[in-house]
Each structure stands twice: as structure tokens, then as C-alpha cells.
Amino acid sequence: MSGLFAYFKRIAREKREFRQMQARAKALPEDYAYVYHKIQYYMWGHAGGDGMDTIPILADLVELFETGAAEGKPVLEVTGEDVAAFCDELLRNAKTWTGNRREALNRDILNKLGKGTGA
């Protein structure tokens, strides 16, 4: 029973932290807030599993944007004009939907052809 309580406590903490992060993003200058929300939407489309690997990336992004805004930099000076490439770089070490599919494709083919580890 204590495991279930700990689980719900963790979920409540994560939701609170997420709401705080979203409030910080909303407080960014208009251009930064717009780009943040577009990046967030893009990242959710690539998130694997429950998407929790994406939350720390978005938290770091808010911090990066807050710093850029405080320094008076235009948002595209922070991200570069190829914002999708910027996002892909952020997602490089996160568990993504496409990464899961790539891993499954390779694993299934190698296993079928007798070259896999059987995992």
C-alpha cells in the first residue's frame, strides 16, 4: 500500500513541477513563449512511452529561453533558424517514439534472420 501512496505522491509532485514550468514559459516574452510552445508540441509528437523523458528537456529549454530573453537576444539567435534541427538535437538522448520504432524494427529483423541476441 505504501508503494501506491508513493506513486501517487510522485505523480502529484511531477504535475506540480510541470505546471510551474508551464507558468514560467507563459511568462516569457511573446516570441519566446510562442517558440517554446511550438517546440513543446513538436517534442510531444516524438516522445516515447509516457513522455516523462521530455520534461527535463523542456525545463532546460525554459531556463535557456529565460537566459536568452534576459540577455536581450532574439529567440532565433538562441535556437537558430532551423528550429526543427534544434529540437532534434534536444531529443537526441531522450527516449522517442521514432527511436522505439527504429529499435523494434532492427531487433525484429535481426532476430528473425538469426543475427539478434534474442532480446
PDB file of N, CA and C in Angstrom:
ATOM      1  N   MET A   1       0.822  -1.199   0.000  1.00  0.00           N
ATOM      2  CA  MET A   1       0.000   0.000   0.000  1.00  0.00           C
ATOM      3  C   MET A   1       0.861   1.256   0.000  1.00  0.00           C
ATOM      4  N   SER A   2       2.014   1.196   0.708  1.00  0.00           N
ATOM      5  CA  SER A   2       2.870   2.382   0.752  1.00  0.00           C
ATOM      6  C   SER A   2       3.463   2.677  -0.621  1.00  0.00           C
ATOM      7  N   GLY A   3       3.670   1.627  -1.442  1.00  0.00           N
ATOM      8  CA  GLY A   3       4.168   1.833  -2.798  1.00  0.00           C
ATOM      9  C   GLY A   3       3.173   2.611  -3.637  1.00  0.00           C
ATOM     10  N   LEU A   4       1.902   2.310  -3.471  1.00  0.00           N
ATOM     11  CA  LEU A   4       0.859   3.015  -4.203  1.00  0.00           C
ATOM     12  C   LEU A   4       0.793   4.480  -3.761  1.00  0.00           C
ATOM     13  N   PHE A   5       0.903   4.700  -2.461  1.00  0.00           N
ATOM     14  CA  PHE A   5       0.905   6.072  -1.939  1.00  0.00           C
ATOM     15  C   PHE A   5       2.099   6.844  -2.487  1.00  0.00           C
ATOM     16  N   ALA A   6       3.266   6.231  -2.499  1.00  0.00           N
ATOM     17  CA  ALA A   6       4.477   6.878  -3.024  1.00  0.00           C
ATOM     18  C   ALA A   6       4.305   7.207  -4.503  1.00  0.00           C
ATOM     19  N   TYR A   7       3.672   6.302  -5.243  1.00  0.00           N
ATOM     20  CA  TYR A   7       3.431   6.531  -6.668  1.00  0.00           C
ATOM     21  C   TYR A   7       2.560   7.769  -6.873  1.00  0.00           C
ATOM     22  N   PHE A   8       1.443   7.846  -6.144  1.00  0.00           N
ATOM     23  CA  PHE A   8       0.547   8.993  -6.302  1.00  0.00           C
ATOM     24  C   PHE A   8       1.205  10.290  -5.825  1.00  0.00           C
ATOM     25  N   LYS A   9       2.029  10.196  -4.802  1.00  0.00           N
ATOM     26  CA  LYS A   9       2.752  11.364  -4.317  1.00  0.00           C
ATOM     27  C   LYS A   9       3.732  11.857  -5.384  1.00  0.00           C
ATOM     28  N   ARG A  10       4.416  10.924  -6.046  1.00  0.00           N
ATOM     29  CA  ARG A  10       5.357  11.282  -7.104  1.00  0.00           C
ATOM     30  C   ARG A  10       4.619  11.932  -8.277  1.00  0.00           C
ATOM     31  N   ILE A  11       3.482  11.365  -8.663  1.00  0.00           N
ATOM     32  CA  ILE A  11       2.693  11.922  -9.768  1.00  0.00           C
ATOM     33  C   ILE A  11       2.234  13.340  -9.434  1.00  0.00           C
ATOM     34  N   ALA A  12       1.771  13.546  -8.200  1.00  0.00           N
ATOM     35  CA  ALA A  12       1.325  14.882  -7.792  1.00  0.00           C
ATOM     36  C   ALA A  12       2.478  15.876  -7.840  1.00  0.00           C
ATOM     37  N   ARG A  13       3.664  15.459  -7.392  1.00  0.00           N
ATOM     38  CA  ARG A  13       4.837  16.335  -7.432  1.00  0.00           C
ATOM     39  C   ARG A  13       5.212  16.676  -8.868  1.00  0.00           C
ATOM     40  N   GLU A  14       5.202  15.668  -9.745  1.00  0.00           N
ATOM     41  CA  GLU A  14       5.549  15.899 -11.147  1.00  0.00           C
ATOM     42  C   GLU A  14       4.557  16.839 -11.822  1.00  0.00           C
ATOM     43  N   LYS A  15       3.271  16.683 -11.515  1.00  0.00           N
ATOM     44  CA  LYS A  15       2.266  17.578 -12.091  1.00  0.00           C
ATOM     45  C   LYS A  15       2.463  19.009 -11.610  1.00  0.00           C
ATOM     46  N   ARG A  16       2.781  19.162 -10.322  1.00  0.00           N
ATOM     47  CA  ARG A  16       3.021  20.496  -9.763  1.00  0.00           C
ATOM     48  C   ARG A  16       4.237  21.140 -10.439  1.00  0.00           C
ATOM     49  N   GLU A  17       5.311  20.372 -10.591  1.00  0.00           N
ATOM     50  CA  GLU A  17       6.510  20.895 -11.248  1.00  0.00           C
ATOM     51  C   GLU A  17       6.225  21.253 -12.708  1.00  0.00           C
ATOM     52  N   PHE A  18       5.429  20.430 -13.382  1.00  0.00           N
ATOM     53  CA  PHE A  18       5.091  20.709 -14.773  1.00  0.00           C
ATOM     54  C   PHE A  18       4.281  22.003 -14.875  1.00  0.00           C
ATOM     55  N   ARG A  19       3.312  22.184 -13.994  1.00  0.00           N
ATOM     56  CA  ARG A  19       2.513  23.414 -14.015  1.00  0.00           C
ATOM     57  C   ARG A  19       3.388  24.645 -13.761  1.00  0.00           C
ATOM     58  N   GLN A  20       4.345  24.516 -12.846  1.00  0.00           N
ATOM     59  CA  GLN A  20       5.256  25.630 -12.570  1.00  0.00           C
ATOM     60  C   GLN A  20       6.108  25.953 -13.800  1.00  0.00           C
ATOM     61  N   MET A  21       6.569  24.905 -14.472  1.00  0.00           N
ATOM     62  CA  MET A  21       7.368  25.097 -15.674  1.00  0.00           C
ATOM     63  C   MET A  21       6.532  25.787 -16.759  1.00  0.00           C
ATOM     64  N   GLN A  22       5.289  25.371 -16.913  1.00  0.00           N
ATOM     65  CA  GLN A  22       4.410  25.980 -17.907  1.00  0.00           C
ATOM     66  C   GLN A  22       4.145  27.450 -17.580  1.00  0.00           C
ATOM     67  N   ALA A  23       4.017  27.772 -16.307  1.00  0.00           N
ATOM     68  CA  ALA A  23       3.814  29.166 -15.904  1.00  0.00           C
ATOM     69  C   ALA A  23       5.044  30.001 -16.250  1.00  0.00           C
ATOM     70  N   ARG A  24       6.225  29.449 -16.036  1.00  0.00           N
ATOM     71  CA  ARG A  24       7.464  30.154 -16.407  1.00  0.00           C
ATOM     72  C   ARG A  24       7.514  30.381 -17.915  1.00  0.00           C
ATOM     73  N   ALA A  25       7.111  29.377 -18.683  1.00  0.00           N
ATOM     74  CA  ALA A  25       7.113  29.508 -20.147  1.00  0.00           C
ATOM     75  C   ALA A  25       6.123  30.582 -20.586  1.00  0.00           C
ATOM     76  N   LYS A  26       4.987  30.626 -19.933  1.00  0.00           N
ATOM     77  CA  LYS A  26       3.965  31.619 -20.283  1.00  0.00           C
ATOM     78  C   LYS A  26       4.430  33.044 -19.963  1.00  0.00           C
ATOM     79  N   ALA A  27       5.308  33.175 -18.981  1.00  0.00           N
ATOM     80  CA  ALA A  27       5.815  34.485 -18.581  1.00  0.00           C
ATOM     81  C   ALA A  27       6.939  34.991 -19.483  1.00  0.00           C
ATOM     82  N   LEU A  28       7.406  34.160 -20.396  1.00  0.00           N
ATOM     83  CA  LEU A  28       8.459  34.579 -21.328  1.00  0.00           C
ATOM     84  C   LEU A  28       7.935  35.669 -22.260  1.00  0.00           C
ATOM     85  N   PRO A  29       8.839  36.460 -22.853  1.00  0.00           N
ATOM     86  CA  PRO A  29       8.389  37.412 -23.882  1.00  0.00           C
ATOM     87  C   PRO A  29       7.626  36.666 -24.984  1.00  0.00           C
ATOM     88  N   GLU A  30       6.764  37.379 -25.664  1.00  0.00           N
ATOM     89  CA  GLU A  30       5.829  36.763 -26.620  1.00  0.00           C
ATOM     90  C   GLU A  30       6.506  35.842 -27.636  1.00  0.00           C
ATOM     91  N   ASP A  31       7.585  36.291 -28.266  1.00  0.00           N
ATOM     92  CA  ASP A  31       8.258  35.457 -29.272  1.00  0.00           C
ATOM     93  C   ASP A  31       8.814  34.177 -28.644  1.00  0.00           C
ATOM     94  N   TYR A  32       9.428  34.320 -27.488  1.00  0.00           N
ATOM     95  CA  TYR A  32       9.976  33.152 -26.791  1.00  0.00           C
ATOM     96  C   TYR A  32       8.863  32.176 -26.392  1.00  0.00           C
ATOM     97  N   ALA A  33       7.773  32.700 -25.859  1.00  0.00           N
ATOM     98  CA  ALA A  33       6.658  31.842 -25.445  1.00  0.00           C
ATOM     99  C   ALA A  33       6.081  31.096 -26.641  1.00  0.00           C
ATOM    100  N   TYR A  34       5.939  31.792 -27.756  1.00  0.00           N
ATOM    101  CA  TYR A  34       5.405  31.159 -28.962  1.00  0.00           C
ATOM    102  C   TYR A  34       6.314  30.027 -29.427  1.00  0.00           C
ATOM    103  N   VAL A  35       7.607  30.302 -29.511  1.00  0.00           N
ATOM    104  CA  VAL A  35       8.556  29.277 -29.966  1.00  0.00           C
ATOM    105  C   VAL A  35       8.605  28.124 -28.969  1.00  0.00           C
ATOM    106  N   TYR A  36       8.580  28.424 -27.671  1.00  0.00           N
ATOM    107  CA  TYR A  36       8.573  27.362 -26.657  1.00  0.00           C
ATOM    108  C   TYR A  36       7.384  26.420 -26.870  1.00  0.00           C
ATOM    109  N   HIS A  37       6.211  26.982 -27.034  1.00  0.00           N
ATOM    110  CA  HIS A  37       5.014  26.151 -27.178  1.00  0.00           C
ATOM    111  C   HIS A  37       5.026  25.352 -28.491  1.00  0.00           C
ATOM    112  N   LYS A  38       5.558  25.929 -29.538  1.00  0.00           N
ATOM    113  CA  LYS A  38       5.688  25.178 -30.798  1.00  0.00           C
ATOM    114  C   LYS A  38       6.693  24.036 -30.635  1.00  0.00           C
ATOM    115  N   ILE A  39       7.795  24.288 -29.951  1.00  0.00           N
ATOM    116  CA  ILE A  39       8.789  23.236 -29.697  1.00  0.00           C
ATOM    117  C   ILE A  39       8.181  22.152 -28.812  1.00  0.00           C
ATOM    118  N   GLN A  40       7.452  22.559 -27.794  1.00  0.00           N
ATOM    119  CA  GLN A  40       6.817  21.591 -26.900  1.00  0.00           C
ATOM    120  C   GLN A  40       5.868  20.681 -27.691  1.00  0.00           C
ATOM    121  N   TYR A  41       5.075  21.265 -28.554  1.00  0.00           N
ATOM    122  CA  TYR A  41       4.149  20.486 -29.376  1.00  0.00           C
ATOM    123  C   TYR A  41       4.920  19.492 -30.250  1.00  0.00           C
ATOM    124  N   TYR A  42       5.991  19.953 -30.857  1.00  0.00           N
ATOM    125  CA  TYR A  42       6.833  19.097 -31.698  1.00  0.00           C
ATOM    126  C   TYR A  42       7.409  17.946 -30.875  1.00  0.00           C
ATOM    127  N   MET A  43       7.904  18.270 -29.699  1.00  0.00           N
ATOM    128  CA  MET A  43       8.527  17.236 -28.863  1.00  0.00           C
ATOM    129  C   MET A  43       7.519  16.205 -28.375  1.00  0.00           C
ATOM    130  N   TRP A  44       6.329  16.627 -28.023  1.00  0.00           N
ATOM    131  CA  TRP A  44       5.322  15.658 -27.575  1.00  0.00           C
ATOM    132  C   TRP A  44       5.007  14.671 -28.696  1.00  0.00           C
ATOM    133  N   GLY A  45       5.077  15.124 -29.927  1.00  0.00           N
ATOM    134  CA  GLY A  45       4.828  14.244 -31.057  1.00  0.00           C
ATOM    135  C   GLY A  45       5.898  13.187 -31.241  1.00  0.00           C
ATOM    136  N   HIS A  46       7.053  13.388 -30.633  1.00  0.00           N
ATOM    137  CA  HIS A  46       8.155  12.444 -30.751  1.00  0.00           C
ATOM    138  C   HIS A  46       8.438  11.698 -29.453  1.00  0.00           C
ATOM    139  N   ALA A  47       7.767  12.087 -28.375  1.00  0.00           N
ATOM    140  CA  ALA A  47       8.044  11.492 -27.070  1.00  0.00           C
ATOM    141  C   ALA A  47       7.706  10.012 -27.054  1.00  0.00           C
ATOM    142  N   GLY A  48       8.545   9.243 -26.398  1.00  0.00           N
ATOM    143  CA  GLY A  48       8.306   7.813 -26.261  1.00  0.00           C
ATOM    144  C   GLY A  48       7.665   7.508 -24.925  1.00  0.00           C
ATOM    145  N   GLY A  49       6.970   6.411 -24.840  1.00  0.00           N
ATOM    146  CA  GLY A  49       6.362   5.976 -23.582  1.00  0.00           C
ATOM    147  C   GLY A  49       5.407   7.016 -23.042  1.00  0.00           C
ATOM    148  N   ASP A  50       5.591   7.354 -21.765  1.00  0.00           N
ATOM    149  CA  ASP A  50       4.697   8.323 -21.132  1.00  0.00           C
ATOM    150  C   ASP A  50       5.158   9.766 -21.324  1.00  0.00           C
ATOM    151  N   GLY A  51       6.271   9.957 -22.033  1.00  0.00           N
ATOM    152  CA  GLY A  51       6.753  11.297 -22.330  1.00  0.00           C
ATOM    153  C   GLY A  51       7.557  11.944 -21.217  1.00  0.00           C
ATOM    154  N   MET A  52       7.780  11.222 -20.130  1.00  0.00           N
ATOM    155  CA  MET A  52       8.469  11.816 -18.990  1.00  0.00           C
ATOM    156  C   MET A  52       9.922  12.172 -19.303  1.00  0.00           C
ATOM    157  N   ASP A  53      10.528  11.525 -20.300  1.00  0.00           N
ATOM    158  CA  ASP A  53      11.897  11.881 -20.693  1.00  0.00           C
ATOM    159  C   ASP A  53      11.954  13.288 -21.284  1.00  0.00           C
ATOM    160  N   THR A  54      10.822  13.774 -21.736  1.00  0.00           N
ATOM    161  CA  THR A  54      10.764  15.086 -22.370  1.00  0.00           C
ATOM    162  C   THR A  54      10.713  16.223 -21.350  1.00  0.00           C
ATOM    163  N   ILE A  55      10.193  15.961 -20.166  1.00  0.00           N
ATOM    164  CA  ILE A  55      10.003  17.012 -19.158  1.00  0.00           C
ATOM    165  C   ILE A  55      11.319  17.694 -18.773  1.00  0.00           C
ATOM    166  N   PRO A  56      12.387  16.966 -18.457  1.00  0.00           N
ATOM    167  CA  PRO A  56      13.632  17.664 -18.112  1.00  0.00           C
ATOM    168  C   PRO A  56      14.187  18.489 -19.279  1.00  0.00           C
ATOM    169  N   ILE A  57      13.981  18.022 -20.484  1.00  0.00           N
ATOM    170  CA  ILE A  57      14.438  18.766 -21.663  1.00  0.00           C
ATOM    171  C   ILE A  57      13.683  20.083 -21.758  1.00  0.00           C
ATOM    172  N   LEU A  58      12.378  20.037 -21.556  1.00  0.00           N
ATOM    173  CA  LEU A  58      11.571  21.255 -21.610  1.00  0.00           C
ATOM    174  C   LEU A  58      11.928  22.203 -20.467  1.00  0.00           C
ATOM    175  N   ALA A  59      12.243  21.652 -19.299  1.00  0.00           N
ATOM    176  CA  ALA A  59      12.655  22.501 -18.171  1.00  0.00           C
ATOM    177  C   ALA A  59      13.960  23.223 -18.505  1.00  0.00           C
ATOM    178  N   ASP A  60      14.898  22.499 -19.106  1.00  0.00           N
ATOM    179  CA  ASP A  60      16.155  23.126 -19.531  1.00  0.00           C
ATOM    180  C   ASP A  60      15.904  24.178 -20.603  1.00  0.00           C
ATOM    181  N   LEU A  61      14.950  23.904 -21.481  1.00  0.00           N
ATOM    182  CA  LEU A  61      14.621  24.854 -22.543  1.00  0.00           C
ATOM    183  C   LEU A  61      14.058  26.149 -21.961  1.00  0.00           C
ATOM    184  N   VAL A  62      13.178  26.042 -20.974  1.00  0.00           N
ATOM    185  CA  VAL A  62      12.633  27.244 -20.332  1.00  0.00           C
ATOM    186  C   VAL A  62      13.772  28.058 -19.735  1.00  0.00           C
ATOM    187  N   GLU A  63      14.689  27.376 -19.066  1.00  0.00           N
ATOM    188  CA  GLU A  63      15.824  28.076 -18.462  1.00  0.00           C
ATOM    189  C   GLU A  63      16.685  28.759 -19.535  1.00  0.00           C
ATOM    190  N   LEU A  64      16.952  28.053 -20.622  1.00  0.00           N
ATOM    191  CA  LEU A  64      17.725  28.625 -21.727  1.00  0.00           C
ATOM    192  C   LEU A  64      17.019  29.852 -22.302  1.00  0.00           C
ATOM    193  N   PHE A  65      15.712  29.746 -22.489  1.00  0.00           N
ATOM    194  CA  PHE A  65      14.942  30.870 -23.031  1.00  0.00           C
ATOM    195  C   PHE A  65      14.893  32.042 -22.050  1.00  0.00           C
ATOM    196  N   GLU A  66      14.769  31.755 -20.763  1.00  0.00           N
ATOM    197  CA  GLU A  66      14.776  32.843 -19.776  1.00  0.00           C
ATOM    198  C   GLU A  66      16.104  33.596 -19.822  1.00  0.00           C
ATOM    199  N   THR A  67      17.193  32.849 -19.952  1.00  0.00           N
ATOM    200  CA  THR A  67      18.520  33.464 -20.030  1.00  0.00           C
ATOM    201  C   THR A  67      18.656  34.288 -21.304  1.00  0.00           C
ATOM    202  N   GLY A  68      18.245  33.715 -22.435  1.00  0.00           N
ATOM    203  CA  GLY A  68      18.317  34.441 -23.707  1.00  0.00           C
ATOM    204  C   GLY A  68      17.501  35.714 -23.675  1.00  0.00           C
ATOM    205  N   ALA A  69      16.311  35.628 -23.122  1.00  0.00           N
ATOM    206  CA  ALA A  69      15.445  36.812 -23.045  1.00  0.00           C
ATOM    207  C   ALA A  69      16.061  37.867 -22.128  1.00  0.00           C
ATOM    208  N   ALA A  70      16.619  37.422 -20.995  1.00  0.00           N
ATOM    209  CA  ALA A  70      17.236  38.366 -20.052  1.00  0.00           C
ATOM    210  C   ALA A  70      18.434  39.077 -20.684  1.00  0.00           C
ATOM    211  N   GLU A  71      19.121  38.373 -21.586  1.00  0.00           N
ATOM    212  CA  GLU A  71      20.268  38.966 -22.278  1.00  0.00           C
ATOM    213  C   GLU A  71      19.847  39.801 -23.486  1.00  0.00           C
ATOM    214  N   GLY A  72      18.553  39.842 -23.773  1.00  0.00           N
ATOM    215  CA  GLY A  72      18.037  40.648 -24.875  1.00  0.00           C
ATOM    216  C   GLY A  72      18.238  40.030 -26.243  1.00  0.00           C
ATOM    217  N   LYS A  73      18.512  38.737 -26.299  1.00  0.00           N
ATOM    218  CA  LYS A  73      18.720  38.060 -27.587  1.00  0.00           C
ATOM    219  C   LYS A  73      17.377  37.731 -28.238  1.00  0.00           C
ATOM    220  N   PRO A  74      17.289  37.861 -29.544  1.00  0.00           N
ATOM    221  CA  PRO A  74      16.090  37.360 -30.233  1.00  0.00           C
ATOM    222  C   PRO A  74      16.045  35.833 -30.099  1.00  0.00           C
ATOM    223  N   VAL A  75      14.860  35.260 -30.057  1.00  0.00           N
ATOM    224  CA  VAL A  75      14.712  33.826 -29.820  1.00  0.00           C
ATOM    225  C   VAL A  75      15.432  32.997 -30.884  1.00  0.00           C
ATOM    226  N   LEU A  76      15.403  33.442 -32.133  1.00  0.00           N
ATOM    227  CA  LEU A  76      16.064  32.662 -33.187  1.00  0.00           C
ATOM    228  C   LEU A  76      17.582  32.725 -33.106  1.00  0.00           C
ATOM    229  N   GLU A  77      18.097  33.670 -32.338  1.00  0.00           N
ATOM    230  CA  GLU A  77      19.535  33.680 -32.078  1.00  0.00           C
ATOM    231  C   GLU A  77      19.882  32.550 -31.096  1.00  0.00           C
ATOM    232  N   VAL A  78      18.942  32.189 -30.264  1.00  0.00           N
ATOM    233  CA  VAL A  78      19.141  31.098 -29.297  1.00  0.00           C
ATOM    234  C   VAL A  78      18.964  29.739 -29.975  1.00  0.00           C
ATOM    235  N   THR A  79      17.927  29.606 -30.784  1.00  0.00           N
ATOM    236  CA  THR A  79      17.618  28.307 -31.398  1.00  0.00           C
ATOM    237  C   THR A  79      18.283  28.102 -32.748  1.00  0.00           C
ATOM    238  N   GLY A  80      18.579  29.191 -33.440  1.00  0.00           N
ATOM    239  CA  GLY A  80      18.964  29.105 -34.837  1.00  0.00           C
ATOM    240  C   GLY A  80      17.690  29.101 -35.668  1.00  0.00           C
ATOM    241  N   GLU A  81      17.820  29.355 -36.970  1.00  0.00           N
ATOM    242  CA  GLU A  81      16.626  29.430 -37.814  1.00  0.00           C
ATOM    243  C   GLU A  81      16.041  28.064 -38.135  1.00  0.00           C
ATOM    244  N   ASP A  82      16.822  27.009 -38.038  1.00  0.00           N
ATOM    245  CA  ASP A  82      16.299  25.654 -38.236  1.00  0.00           C
ATOM    246  C   ASP A  82      15.876  25.107 -36.873  1.00  0.00           C
ATOM    247  N   VAL A  83      14.695  25.530 -36.450  1.00  0.00           N
ATOM    248  CA  VAL A  83      14.206  25.177 -35.116  1.00  0.00           C
ATOM    249  C   VAL A  83      13.968  23.670 -35.013  1.00  0.00           C
ATOM    250  N   ALA A  84      13.557  23.028 -36.089  1.00  0.00           N
ATOM    251  CA  ALA A  84      13.359  21.569 -36.061  1.00  0.00           C
ATOM    252  C   ALA A  84      14.676  20.855 -35.776  1.00  0.00           C
ATOM    253  N   ALA A  85      15.758  21.298 -36.374  1.00  0.00           N
ATOM    254  CA  ALA A  85      17.067  20.693 -36.108  1.00  0.00           C
ATOM    255  C   ALA A  85      17.466  20.932 -34.651  1.00  0.00           C
ATOM    256  N   PHE A  86      17.163  22.113 -34.130  1.00  0.00           N
ATOM    257  CA  PHE A  86      17.412  22.423 -32.724  1.00  0.00           C
ATOM    258  C   PHE A  86      16.659  21.438 -31.837  1.00  0.00           C
ATOM    259  N   CYS A  87      15.392  21.185 -32.164  1.00  0.00           N
ATOM    260  CA  CYS A  87      14.571  20.234 -31.401  1.00  0.00           C
ATOM    261  C   CYS A  87      15.143  18.822 -31.487  1.00  0.00           C
ATOM    262  N   ASP A  88      15.518  18.421 -32.681  1.00  0.00           N
ATOM    263  CA  ASP A  88      16.065  17.078 -32.859  1.00  0.00           C
ATOM    264  C   ASP A  88      17.323  16.887 -32.037  1.00  0.00           C
ATOM    265  N   GLU A  89      18.116  17.933 -31.934  1.00  0.00           N
ATOM    266  CA  GLU A  89      19.333  17.850 -31.114  1.00  0.00           C
ATOM    267  C   GLU A  89      18.963  17.714 -29.638  1.00  0.00           C
ATOM    268  N   LEU A  90      17.952  18.459 -29.199  1.00  0.00           N
ATOM    269  CA  LEU A  90      17.500  18.339 -27.813  1.00  0.00           C
ATOM    270  C   LEU A  90      16.994  16.926 -27.522  1.00  0.00           C
ATOM    271  N   LEU A  91      16.337  16.329 -28.503  1.00  0.00           N
ATOM    272  CA  LEU A  91      15.745  15.000 -28.318  1.00  0.00           C
ATOM    273  C   LEU A  91      16.746  13.857 -28.516  1.00  0.00           C
ATOM    274  N   ARG A  92      17.950  14.178 -28.888  1.00  0.00           N
ATOM    275  CA  ARG A  92      18.933  13.152 -29.226  1.00  0.00           C
ATOM    276  C   ARG A  92      19.060  12.069 -28.158  1.00  0.00           C
ATOM    277  N   ASN A  93      19.100  12.435 -26.882  1.00  0.00           N
ATOM    278  CA  ASN A  93      19.300  11.456 -25.818  1.00  0.00           C
ATOM    279  C   ASN A  93      18.012  11.059 -25.098  1.00  0.00           C
ATOM    280  N   ALA A  94      16.894  11.554 -25.580  1.00  0.00           N
ATOM    281  CA  ALA A  94      15.618  11.201 -24.961  1.00  0.00           C
ATOM    282  C   ALA A  94      15.044   9.962 -25.639  1.00  0.00           C
ATOM    283  N   LYS A  95      14.210   9.258 -24.919  1.00  0.00           N
ATOM    284  CA  LYS A  95      13.513   8.123 -25.499  1.00  0.00           C
ATOM    285  C   LYS A  95      12.373   8.678 -26.352  1.00  0.00           C
ATOM    286  N   THR A  96      12.417   8.378 -27.643  1.00  0.00           N
ATOM    287  CA  THR A  96      11.410   8.935 -28.543  1.00  0.00           C
ATOM    288  C   THR A  96      10.610   7.824 -29.203  1.00  0.00           C
ATOM    289  N   TRP A  97       9.453   8.208 -29.709  1.00  0.00           N
ATOM    290  CA  TRP A  97       8.595   7.267 -30.423  1.00  0.00           C
ATOM    291  C   TRP A  97       9.336   6.703 -31.624  1.00  0.00           C
ATOM    292  N   THR A  98      10.006   7.574 -32.383  1.00  0.00           N
ATOM    293  CA  THR A  98      10.722   7.114 -33.568  1.00  0.00           C
ATOM    294  C   THR A  98      11.899   6.231 -33.174  1.00  0.00           C
ATOM    295  N   GLY A  99      12.553   6.567 -32.059  1.00  0.00           N
ATOM    296  CA  GLY A  99      13.651   5.730 -31.580  1.00  0.00           C
ATOM    297  C   GLY A  99      13.161   4.351 -31.206  1.00  0.00           C
ATOM    298  N   ASN A 100      12.020   4.288 -30.545  1.00  0.00           N
ATOM    299  CA  ASN A 100      11.434   2.992 -30.177  1.00  0.00           C
ATOM    300  C   ASN A 100      11.127   2.176 -31.423  1.00  0.00           C
ATOM    301  N   ARG A 101      10.562   2.817 -32.418  1.00  0.00           N
ATOM    302  CA  ARG A 101      10.218   2.115 -33.659  1.00  0.00           C
ATOM    303  C   ARG A 101      11.467   1.638 -34.381  1.00  0.00           C
ATOM    304  N   ARG A 102      12.506   2.466 -34.407  1.00  0.00           N
ATOM    305  CA  ARG A 102      13.767   2.076 -35.050  1.00  0.00           C
ATOM    306  C   ARG A 102      14.364   0.857 -34.353  1.00  0.00           C
ATOM    307  N   GLU A 103      14.392   0.916 -33.014  1.00  0.00           N
ATOM    308  CA  GLU A 103      14.949  -0.202 -32.247  1.00  0.00           C
ATOM    309  C   GLU A 103      14.158  -1.479 -32.503  1.00  0.00           C
ATOM    310  N   ALA A 104      12.838  -1.376 -32.503  1.00  0.00           N
ATOM    311  CA  ALA A 104      11.995  -2.555 -32.720  1.00  0.00           C
ATOM    312  C   ALA A 104      12.191  -3.120 -34.120  1.00  0.00           C
ATOM    313  N   LEU A 105      12.288  -2.260 -35.112  1.00  0.00           N
ATOM    314  CA  LEU A 105      12.495  -2.711 -36.483  1.00  0.00           C
ATOM    315  C   LEU A 105      13.798  -3.500 -36.597  1.00  0.00           C
ATOM    316  N   ASN A 106      14.877  -2.919 -36.139  1.00  0.00           N
ATOM    317  CA  ASN A 106      16.173  -3.600 -36.217  1.00  0.00           C
ATOM    318  C   ASN A 106      16.184  -4.891 -35.406  1.00  0.00           C
ATOM    319  N   ARG A 107      15.670  -4.851 -34.193  1.00  0.00           N
ATOM    320  CA  ARG A 107      15.638  -6.033 -33.334  1.00  0.00           C
ATOM    321  C   ARG A 107      14.846  -7.168 -33.977  1.00  0.00           C
ATOM    322  N   ASP A 108      13.653  -6.853 -34.492  1.00  0.00           N
ATOM    323  CA  ASP A 108      12.800  -7.886 -35.083  1.00  0.00           C
ATOM    324  C   ASP A 108      13.446  -8.521 -36.307  1.00  0.00           C
ATOM    325  N   ILE A 109      14.036  -7.698 -37.153  1.00  0.00           N
ATOM    326  CA  ILE A 109      14.664  -8.239 -38.361  1.00  0.00           C
ATOM    327  C   ILE A 109      15.883  -9.084 -38.006  1.00  0.00           C
ATOM    328  N   LEU A 110      16.732  -8.575 -37.127  1.00  0.00           N
ATOM    329  CA  LEU A 110      17.923  -9.335 -36.744  1.00  0.00           C
ATOM    330  C   LEU A 110      17.555 -10.643 -36.052  1.00  0.00           C
ATOM    331  N   ASN A 111      16.545 -10.604 -35.211  1.00  0.00           N
ATOM    332  CA  ASN A 111      16.109 -11.838 -34.546  1.00  0.00           C
ATOM    333  C   ASN A 111      15.554 -12.840 -35.550  1.00  0.00           C
ATOM    334  N   LYS A 112      14.751 -12.382 -36.487  1.00  0.00           N
ATOM    335  CA  LYS A 112      14.165 -13.266 -37.496  1.00  0.00           C
ATOM    336  C   LYS A 112      15.242 -13.910 -38.372  1.00  0.00           C
ATOM    337  N   LEU A 113      16.280 -13.141 -38.671  1.00  0.00           N
ATOM    338  CA  LEU A 113      17.340 -13.636 -39.534  1.00  0.00           C
ATOM    339  C   LEU A 113      18.456 -14.350 -38.743  1.00  0.00           C
ATOM    340  N   GLY A 114      18.225 -14.554 -37.454  1.00  0.00           N
ATOM    341  CA  GLY A 114      19.183 -15.305 -36.647  1.00  0.00           C
ATOM    342  C   GLY A 114      20.435 -14.546 -36.288  1.00  0.00           C
ATOM    343  N   LYS A 115      20.395 -13.232 -36.379  1.00  0.00           N
ATOM    344  CA  LYS A 115      21.587 -12.432 -36.065  1.00  0.00           C
ATOM    345  C   LYS A 115      21.404 -11.628 -34.788  1.00  0.00           C
ATOM    346  N   GLY A 116      20.239 -11.726 -34.189  1.00  0.00           N
ATOM    347  CA  GLY A 116      19.965 -10.940 -32.990  1.00  0.00           C
ATOM    348  C   GLY A 116      20.392 -11.662 -31.732  1.00  0.00           C
ATOM    349  N   THR A 117      20.202 -10.989 -30.631  1.00  0.00           N
ATOM    350  CA  THR A 117      20.566 -11.565 -29.328  1.00  0.00           C
ATOM    351  C   THR A 117      19.395 -12.297 -28.705  1.00  0.00           C
ATOM    352  N   GLY A 118      18.243 -12.257 -29.382  1.00  0.00           N
ATOM    353  CA  GLY A 118      17.060 -12.929 -28.867  1.00  0.00           C
ATOM    354  C   GLY A 118      16.288 -12.094 -27.878  1.00  0.00           C
ATOM    355  N   ALA A 119      16.688 -10.837 -27.672  1.00  0.00           N
ATOM    356  CA  ALA A 119      16.022  -9.963 -26.695  1.00  0.00           C
ATOM    357  C   ALA A 119      14.679  -9.508 -27.208  1.00  0.00           C
TER     358      ALA A 119
END
